[in-house]
Amino acid sequence: MITLLNMKLNQHAVITSVNHPDEGMERRLFDLGFYPGTTVEKVLVSPHQDPVAYRVRGTTVALRNSDAQYIQIKEEGK
């Protein structure tokens, strides 16, 4: 399983699923634009590697690694 955590800086990918165990946080991720079929790009990593900023649907969103691990992706074009 490949997740947002596995992305390299400036890499683009397509979200395949979001399966957060906390239903409220899963809803929040959907509200932020993290839903299947959406293209996402890793744009900035904080000095301590957490949180990480992702560009999704024209907006930059910072996610903690503990939440990003539940968003599965596939490389764009694959």
PDB file of N, CA and C in Angstrom:
ATOM      1  N   MET A   1       0.841  -1.182   0.000  1.00  0.00           N
ATOM      2  CA  MET A   1       0.000   0.000   0.000  1.00  0.00           C
ATOM      3  C   MET A   1       0.885   1.244   0.000  1.00  0.00           C
ATOM      4  N   ILE A   2       0.623   2.138  -0.932  1.00  0.00           N
ATOM      5  CA  ILE A   2       1.376   3.385  -1.022  1.00  0.00           C
ATOM      6  C   ILE A   2       0.491   4.495  -0.467  1.00  0.00           C
ATOM      7  N   THR A   3       1.046   5.296   0.442  1.00  0.00           N
ATOM      8  CA  THR A   3       0.284   6.384   1.051  1.00  0.00           C
ATOM      9  C   THR A   3       0.965   7.717   0.788  1.00  0.00           C
ATOM     10  N   LEU A   4       0.343   8.793   1.231  1.00  0.00           N
ATOM     11  CA  LEU A   4       0.953  10.115   1.086  1.00  0.00           C
ATOM     12  C   LEU A   4       2.336  10.158   1.714  1.00  0.00           C
ATOM     13  N   LEU A   5       2.558   9.370   2.753  1.00  0.00           N
ATOM     14  CA  LEU A   5       3.863   9.358   3.422  1.00  0.00           C
ATOM     15  C   LEU A   5       4.988   8.898   2.500  1.00  0.00           C
ATOM     16  N   ASN A   6       4.658   8.081   1.499  1.00  0.00           N
ATOM     17  CA  ASN A   6       5.670   7.544   0.591  1.00  0.00           C
ATOM     18  C   ASN A   6       6.037   8.489  -0.547  1.00  0.00           C
ATOM     19  N   MET A   7       5.326   9.584  -0.685  1.00  0.00           N
ATOM     20  CA  MET A   7       5.578  10.510  -1.786  1.00  0.00           C
ATOM     21  C   MET A   7       6.907  11.231  -1.605  1.00  0.00           C
ATOM     22  N   LYS A   8       7.518  11.557  -2.735  1.00  0.00           N
ATOM     23  CA  LYS A   8       8.722  12.387  -2.733  1.00  0.00           C
ATOM     24  C   LYS A   8       8.296  13.841  -2.931  1.00  0.00           C
ATOM     25  N   LEU A   9       9.162  14.754  -2.523  1.00  0.00           N
ATOM     26  CA  LEU A   9       8.887  16.175  -2.682  1.00  0.00           C
ATOM     27  C   LEU A   9       8.633  16.504  -4.147  1.00  0.00           C
ATOM     28  N   ASN A  10       7.612  17.280  -4.428  1.00  0.00           N
ATOM     29  CA  ASN A  10       7.178  17.711  -5.764  1.00  0.00           C
ATOM     30  C   ASN A  10       6.602  16.589  -6.624  1.00  0.00           C
ATOM     31  N   GLN A  11       6.375  15.429  -6.051  1.00  0.00           N
ATOM     32  CA  GLN A  11       5.759  14.325  -6.784  1.00  0.00           C
ATOM     33  C   GLN A  11       4.245  14.525  -6.840  1.00  0.00           C
ATOM     34  N   HIS A  12       3.654  14.133  -7.976  1.00  0.00           N
ATOM     35  CA  HIS A  12       2.205  14.154  -8.147  1.00  0.00           C
ATOM     36  C   HIS A  12       1.684  12.723  -8.071  1.00  0.00           C
ATOM     37  N   ALA A  13       0.505  12.559  -7.497  1.00  0.00           N
ATOM     38  CA  ALA A  13      -0.124  11.247  -7.405  1.00  0.00           C
ATOM     39  C   ALA A  13      -1.633  11.437  -7.403  1.00  0.00           C
ATOM     40  N   VAL A  14      -2.345  10.321  -7.560  1.00  0.00           N
ATOM     41  CA  VAL A  14      -3.803  10.345  -7.528  1.00  0.00           C
ATOM     42  C   VAL A  14      -4.265   9.567  -6.297  1.00  0.00           C
ATOM     43  N   ILE A  15      -5.175  10.139  -5.550  1.00  0.00           N
ATOM     44  CA  ILE A  15      -5.707   9.482  -4.360  1.00  0.00           C
ATOM     45  C   ILE A  15      -6.616   8.334  -4.787  1.00  0.00           C
ATOM     46  N   THR A  16      -6.385   7.161  -4.204  1.00  0.00           N
ATOM     47  CA  THR A  16      -7.221   6.003  -4.516  1.00  0.00           C
ATOM     48  C   THR A  16      -8.234   5.716  -3.418  1.00  0.00           C
ATOM     49  N   SER A  17      -7.894   6.001  -2.156  1.00  0.00           N
ATOM     50  CA  SER A  17      -8.850   5.801  -1.064  1.00  0.00           C
ATOM     51  C   SER A  17      -8.408   6.547   0.188  1.00  0.00           C
ATOM     52  N   VAL A  18      -9.375   6.806   1.048  1.00  0.00           N
ATOM     53  CA  VAL A  18      -9.139   7.424   2.350  1.00  0.00           C
ATOM     54  C   VAL A  18      -9.835   6.539   3.379  1.00  0.00           C
ATOM     55  N   ASN A  19      -9.068   5.969   4.294  1.00  0.00           N
ATOM     56  CA  ASN A  19      -9.612   5.022   5.268  1.00  0.00           C
ATOM     57  C   ASN A  19      -9.153   5.349   6.684  1.00  0.00           C
ATOM     58  N   HIS A  20      -9.455   6.546   7.148  1.00  0.00           N
ATOM     59  CA  HIS A  20      -9.053   6.955   8.491  1.00  0.00           C
ATOM     60  C   HIS A  20      -9.964   6.270   9.517  1.00  0.00           C
ATOM     61  N   PRO A  21      -9.393   5.702  10.595  1.00  0.00           N
ATOM     62  CA  PRO A  21     -10.215   5.015  11.591  1.00  0.00           C
ATOM     63  C   PRO A  21     -11.140   5.959  12.378  1.00  0.00           C
ATOM     64  N   ASP A  22     -10.792   7.235  12.445  1.00  0.00           N
ATOM     65  CA  ASP A  22     -11.625   8.228  13.120  1.00  0.00           C
ATOM     66  C   ASP A  22     -12.576   8.823  12.081  1.00  0.00           C
ATOM     67  N   GLU A  23     -13.849   8.513  12.191  1.00  0.00           N
ATOM     68  CA  GLU A  23     -14.838   8.946  11.210  1.00  0.00           C
ATOM     69  C   GLU A  23     -14.876  10.466  11.051  1.00  0.00           C
ATOM     70  N   GLY A  24     -14.709  11.191  12.155  1.00  0.00           N
ATOM     71  CA  GLY A  24     -14.705  12.654  12.101  1.00  0.00           C
ATOM     72  C   GLY A  24     -13.520  13.183  11.301  1.00  0.00           C
ATOM     73  N   MET A  25     -12.348  12.592  11.505  1.00  0.00           N
ATOM     74  CA  MET A  25     -11.172  13.030  10.765  1.00  0.00           C
ATOM     75  C   MET A  25     -11.275  12.639   9.304  1.00  0.00           C
ATOM     76  N   GLU A  26     -11.848  11.478   9.027  1.00  0.00           N
ATOM     77  CA  GLU A  26     -12.037  11.073   7.625  1.00  0.00           C
ATOM     78  C   GLU A  26     -12.945  12.087   6.919  1.00  0.00           C
ATOM     79  N   ARG A  27     -14.011  12.502   7.562  1.00  0.00           N
ATOM     80  CA  ARG A  27     -14.917  13.514   6.994  1.00  0.00           C
ATOM     81  C   ARG A  27     -14.158  14.814   6.762  1.00  0.00           C
ATOM     82  N   ARG A  28     -13.289  15.184   7.702  1.00  0.00           N
ATOM     83  CA  ARG A  28     -12.493  16.422   7.571  1.00  0.00           C
ATOM     84  C   ARG A  28     -11.556  16.333   6.372  1.00  0.00           C
ATOM     85  N   LEU A  29     -10.923  15.177   6.175  1.00  0.00           N
ATOM     86  CA  LEU A  29     -10.039  14.992   5.023  1.00  0.00           C
ATOM     87  C   LEU A  29     -10.814  15.140   3.718  1.00  0.00           C
ATOM     88  N   PHE A  30     -12.023  14.578   3.673  1.00  0.00           N
ATOM     89  CA  PHE A  30     -12.868  14.742   2.487  1.00  0.00           C
ATOM     90  C   PHE A  30     -13.201  16.218   2.275  1.00  0.00           C
ATOM     91  N   ASP A  31     -13.538  16.915   3.355  1.00  0.00           N
ATOM     92  CA  ASP A  31     -13.868  18.334   3.257  1.00  0.00           C
ATOM     93  C   ASP A  31     -12.694  19.165   2.746  1.00  0.00           C
ATOM     94  N   LEU A  32     -11.472  18.732   3.067  1.00  0.00           N
ATOM     95  CA  LEU A  32     -10.269  19.439   2.606  1.00  0.00           C
ATOM     96  C   LEU A  32      -9.926  19.107   1.152  1.00  0.00           C
ATOM     97  N   GLY A  33     -10.629  18.135   0.566  1.00  0.00           N
ATOM     98  CA  GLY A  33     -10.400  17.800  -0.840  1.00  0.00           C
ATOM     99  C   GLY A  33      -9.673  16.500  -1.078  1.00  0.00           C
ATOM    100  N   PHE A  34      -9.358  15.764  -0.023  1.00  0.00           N
ATOM    101  CA  PHE A  34      -8.645  14.494  -0.150  1.00  0.00           C
ATOM    102  C   PHE A  34      -9.651  13.365  -0.385  1.00  0.00           C
ATOM    103  N   TYR A  35     -10.073  13.186  -1.627  1.00  0.00           N
ATOM    104  CA  TYR A  35     -10.979  12.089  -1.922  1.00  0.00           C
ATOM    105  C   TYR A  35     -10.546  11.390  -3.201  1.00  0.00           C
ATOM    106  N   PRO A  36     -10.974  10.147  -3.398  1.00  0.00           N
ATOM    107  CA  PRO A  36     -10.509   9.336  -4.532  1.00  0.00           C
ATOM    108  C   PRO A  36     -10.679  10.048  -5.872  1.00  0.00           C
ATOM    109  N   GLY A  37      -9.635   9.896  -6.708  1.00  0.00           N
ATOM    110  CA  GLY A  37      -9.634  10.497  -8.033  1.00  0.00           C
ATOM    111  C   GLY A  37      -8.994  11.869  -8.091  1.00  0.00           C
ATOM    112  N   THR A  38      -8.680  12.444  -6.952  1.00  0.00           N
ATOM    113  CA  THR A  38      -8.089  13.783  -6.882  1.00  0.00           C
ATOM    114  C   THR A  38      -6.571  13.700  -6.973  1.00  0.00           C
ATOM    115  N   THR A  39      -5.977  14.621  -7.736  1.00  0.00           N
ATOM    116  CA  THR A  39      -4.518  14.705  -7.829  1.00  0.00           C
ATOM    117  C   THR A  39      -3.979  15.473  -6.636  1.00  0.00           C
ATOM    118  N   VAL A  40      -2.876  14.982  -6.090  1.00  0.00           N
ATOM    119  CA  VAL A  40      -2.242  15.607  -4.935  1.00  0.00           C
ATOM    120  C   VAL A  40      -0.745  15.719  -5.207  1.00  0.00           C
ATOM    121  N   GLU A  41      -0.128  16.787  -4.679  1.00  0.00           N
ATOM    122  CA  GLU A  41       1.317  17.000  -4.833  1.00  0.00           C
ATOM    123  C   GLU A  41       1.913  17.298  -3.467  1.00  0.00           C
ATOM    124  N   LYS A  42       3.052  16.687  -3.176  1.00  0.00           N
ATOM    125  CA  LYS A  42       3.782  16.979  -1.935  1.00  0.00           C
ATOM    126  C   LYS A  42       4.636  18.209  -2.205  1.00  0.00           C
ATOM    127  N   VAL A  43       4.371  19.319  -1.487  1.00  0.00           N
ATOM    128  CA  VAL A  43       5.029  20.578  -1.812  1.00  0.00           C
ATOM    129  C   VAL A  43       6.007  21.101  -0.773  1.00  0.00           C
ATOM    130  N   LEU A  44       5.895  20.668   0.481  1.00  0.00           N
ATOM    131  CA  LEU A  44       6.787  21.204   1.510  1.00  0.00           C
ATOM    132  C   LEU A  44       6.841  20.249   2.695  1.00  0.00           C
ATOM    133  N   VAL A  45       8.045  20.054   3.221  1.00  0.00           N
ATOM    134  CA  VAL A  45       8.236  19.204   4.397  1.00  0.00           C
ATOM    135  C   VAL A  45       8.802  20.078   5.507  1.00  0.00           C
ATOM    136  N   SER A  46       8.198  20.026   6.677  1.00  0.00           N
ATOM    137  CA  SER A  46       8.685  20.840   7.791  1.00  0.00           C
ATOM    138  C   SER A  46      10.057  20.336   8.253  1.00  0.00           C
ATOM    139  N   PRO A  47      10.804  21.146   8.988  1.00  0.00           N
ATOM    140  CA  PRO A  47      12.143  20.745   9.426  1.00  0.00           C
ATOM    141  C   PRO A  47      12.191  19.427  10.205  1.00  0.00           C
ATOM    142  N   HIS A  48      11.127  19.117  10.935  1.00  0.00           N
ATOM    143  CA  HIS A  48      11.098  17.871  11.711  1.00  0.00           C
ATOM    144  C   HIS A  48      10.333  16.762  10.991  1.00  0.00           C
ATOM    145  N   GLN A  49      10.051  16.961   9.699  1.00  0.00           N
ATOM    146  CA  GLN A  49       9.359  15.988   8.845  1.00  0.00           C
ATOM    147  C   GLN A  49       7.879  15.816   9.163  1.00  0.00           C
ATOM    148  N   ASP A  50       7.323  16.592  10.058  1.00  0.00           N
ATOM    149  CA  ASP A  50       5.917  16.485  10.419  1.00  0.00           C
ATOM    150  C   ASP A  50       5.462  17.822  10.978  1.00  0.00           C
ATOM    151  N   PRO A  51       4.485  18.509  10.384  1.00  0.00           N
ATOM    152  CA  PRO A  51       3.613  18.073   9.305  1.00  0.00           C
ATOM    153  C   PRO A  51       4.251  18.260   7.929  1.00  0.00           C
ATOM    154  N   VAL A  52       3.508  17.827   6.908  1.00  0.00           N
ATOM    155  CA  VAL A  52       3.916  17.943   5.511  1.00  0.00           C
ATOM    156  C   VAL A  52       2.802  18.674   4.768  1.00  0.00           C
ATOM    157  N   ALA A  53       3.191  19.562   3.844  1.00  0.00           N
ATOM    158  CA  ALA A  53       2.200  20.312   3.072  1.00  0.00           C
ATOM    159  C   ALA A  53       1.969  19.634   1.722  1.00  0.00           C
ATOM    160  N   TYR A  54       0.696  19.509   1.369  1.00  0.00           N
ATOM    161  CA  TYR A  54       0.275  18.905   0.104  1.00  0.00           C
ATOM    162  C   TYR A  54      -0.611  19.906  -0.631  1.00  0.00           C
ATOM    163  N   ARG A  55      -0.485  19.943  -1.961  1.00  0.00           N
ATOM    164  CA  ARG A  55      -1.380  20.777  -2.758  1.00  0.00           C
ATOM    165  C   ARG A  55      -2.467  19.877  -3.309  1.00  0.00           C
ATOM    166  N   VAL A  56      -3.688  20.225  -3.013  1.00  0.00           N
ATOM    167  CA  VAL A  56      -4.831  19.443  -3.464  1.00  0.00           C
ATOM    168  C   VAL A  56      -5.928  20.419  -3.891  1.00  0.00           C
ATOM    169  N   ARG A  57      -6.411  20.261  -5.118  1.00  0.00           N
ATOM    170  CA  ARG A  57      -7.487  21.098  -5.668  1.00  0.00           C
ATOM    171  C   ARG A  57      -7.172  22.594  -5.551  1.00  0.00           C
ATOM    172  N   GLY A  58      -5.905  22.983  -5.806  1.00  0.00           N
ATOM    173  CA  GLY A  58      -5.504  24.380  -5.822  1.00  0.00           C
ATOM    174  C   GLY A  58      -5.226  24.995  -4.459  1.00  0.00           C
ATOM    175  N   THR A  59      -5.289  24.197  -3.402  1.00  0.00           N
ATOM    176  CA  THR A  59      -5.057  24.691  -2.052  1.00  0.00           C
ATOM    177  C   THR A  59      -3.923  23.906  -1.401  1.00  0.00           C
ATOM    178  N   THR A  60      -3.107  24.564  -0.624  1.00  0.00           N
ATOM    179  CA  THR A  60      -2.047  23.890   0.109  1.00  0.00           C
ATOM    180  C   THR A  60      -2.539  23.590   1.517  1.00  0.00           C
ATOM    181  N   VAL A  61      -2.442  22.304   1.890  1.00  0.00           N
ATOM    182  CA  VAL A  61      -2.944  21.840   3.179  1.00  0.00           C
ATOM    183  C   VAL A  61      -1.824  21.094   3.903  1.00  0.00           C
ATOM    184  N   ALA A  62      -1.610  21.418   5.166  1.00  0.00           N
ATOM    185  CA  ALA A  62      -0.619  20.706   5.977  1.00  0.00           C
ATOM    186  C   ALA A  62      -1.309  19.581   6.734  1.00  0.00           C
ATOM    187  N   LEU A  63      -0.735  18.380   6.628  1.00  0.00           N
ATOM    188  CA  LEU A  63      -1.277  17.218   7.334  1.00  0.00           C
ATOM    189  C   LEU A  63      -0.204  16.600   8.213  1.00  0.00           C
ATOM    190  N   ARG A  64      -0.599  16.159   9.364  1.00  0.00           N
ATOM    191  CA  ARG A  64       0.294  15.371  10.214  1.00  0.00           C
ATOM    192  C   ARG A  64       0.475  14.004   9.583  1.00  0.00           C
ATOM    193  N   ASN A  65       1.641  13.419   9.773  1.00  0.00           N
ATOM    194  CA  ASN A  65       1.910  12.085   9.238  1.00  0.00           C
ATOM    195  C   ASN A  65       0.922  11.058   9.785  1.00  0.00           C
ATOM    196  N   SER A  66       0.472  11.263  11.001  1.00  0.00           N
ATOM    197  CA  SER A  66      -0.475  10.320  11.605  1.00  0.00           C
ATOM    198  C   SER A  66      -1.810  10.295  10.866  1.00  0.00           C
ATOM    199  N   ASP A  67      -2.148  11.353  10.145  1.00  0.00           N
ATOM    200  CA  ASP A  67      -3.365  11.378   9.335  1.00  0.00           C
ATOM    201  C   ASP A  67      -3.071  11.018   7.874  1.00  0.00           C
ATOM    202  N   ALA A  68      -1.931  11.457   7.357  1.00  0.00           N
ATOM    203  CA  ALA A  68      -1.572  11.187   5.963  1.00  0.00           C
ATOM    204  C   ALA A  68      -1.394   9.696   5.687  1.00  0.00           C
ATOM    205  N   GLN A  69      -1.063   8.924   6.703  1.00  0.00           N
ATOM    206  CA  GLN A  69      -0.837   7.490   6.496  1.00  0.00           C
ATOM    207  C   GLN A  69      -2.093   6.736   6.072  1.00  0.00           C
ATOM    208  N   TYR A  70      -3.263   7.347   6.228  1.00  0.00           N
ATOM    209  CA  TYR A  70      -4.513   6.682   5.883  1.00  0.00           C
ATOM    210  C   TYR A  70      -5.039   7.070   4.492  1.00  0.00           C
ATOM    211  N   ILE A  71      -4.247   7.844   3.745  1.00  0.00           N
ATOM    212  CA  ILE A  71      -4.644   8.246   2.394  1.00  0.00           C
ATOM    213  C   ILE A  71      -3.789   7.474   1.398  1.00  0.00           C
ATOM    214  N   GLN A  72      -4.413   6.541   0.681  1.00  0.00           N
ATOM    215  CA  GLN A  72      -3.703   5.716  -0.295  1.00  0.00           C
ATOM    216  C   GLN A  72      -3.650   6.438  -1.635  1.00  0.00           C
ATOM    217  N   ILE A  73      -2.539   6.235  -2.354  1.00  0.00           N
ATOM    218  CA  ILE A  73      -2.335   6.899  -3.638  1.00  0.00           C
ATOM    219  C   ILE A  73      -1.775   5.925  -4.672  1.00  0.00           C
ATOM    220  N   LYS A  74      -1.787   6.383  -5.913  1.00  0.00           N
ATOM    221  CA  LYS A  74      -1.042   5.714  -6.974  1.00  0.00           C
ATOM    222  C   LYS A  74      -0.341   6.821  -7.747  1.00  0.00           C
ATOM    223  N   GLU A  75       0.829   6.476  -8.301  1.00  0.00           N
ATOM    224  CA  GLU A  75       1.568   7.481  -9.055  1.00  0.00           C
ATOM    225  C   GLU A  75       0.744   7.929 -10.243  1.00  0.00           C
ATOM    226  N   GLU A  76       0.813   9.217 -10.540  1.00  0.00           N
ATOM    227  CA  GLU A  76       0.053   9.759 -11.659  1.00  0.00           C
ATOM    228  C   GLU A  76       0.510   9.104 -12.959  1.00  0.00           C
ATOM    229  N   GLY A  77      -0.429   8.682 -13.776  1.00  0.00           N
ATOM    230  CA  GLY A  77      -0.104   8.049 -15.048  1.00  0.00           C
ATOM    231  C   GLY A  77       0.067   6.562 -14.971  1.00  0.00           C
ATOM    232  N   LYS A  78      -0.116   5.964 -13.793  1.00  0.00           N
ATOM    233  CA  LYS A  78       0.042   4.519 -13.651  1.00  0.00           C
ATOM    234  C   LYS A  78      -1.285   3.863 -13.352  1.00  0.00           C
TER     235      LYS A  78
END
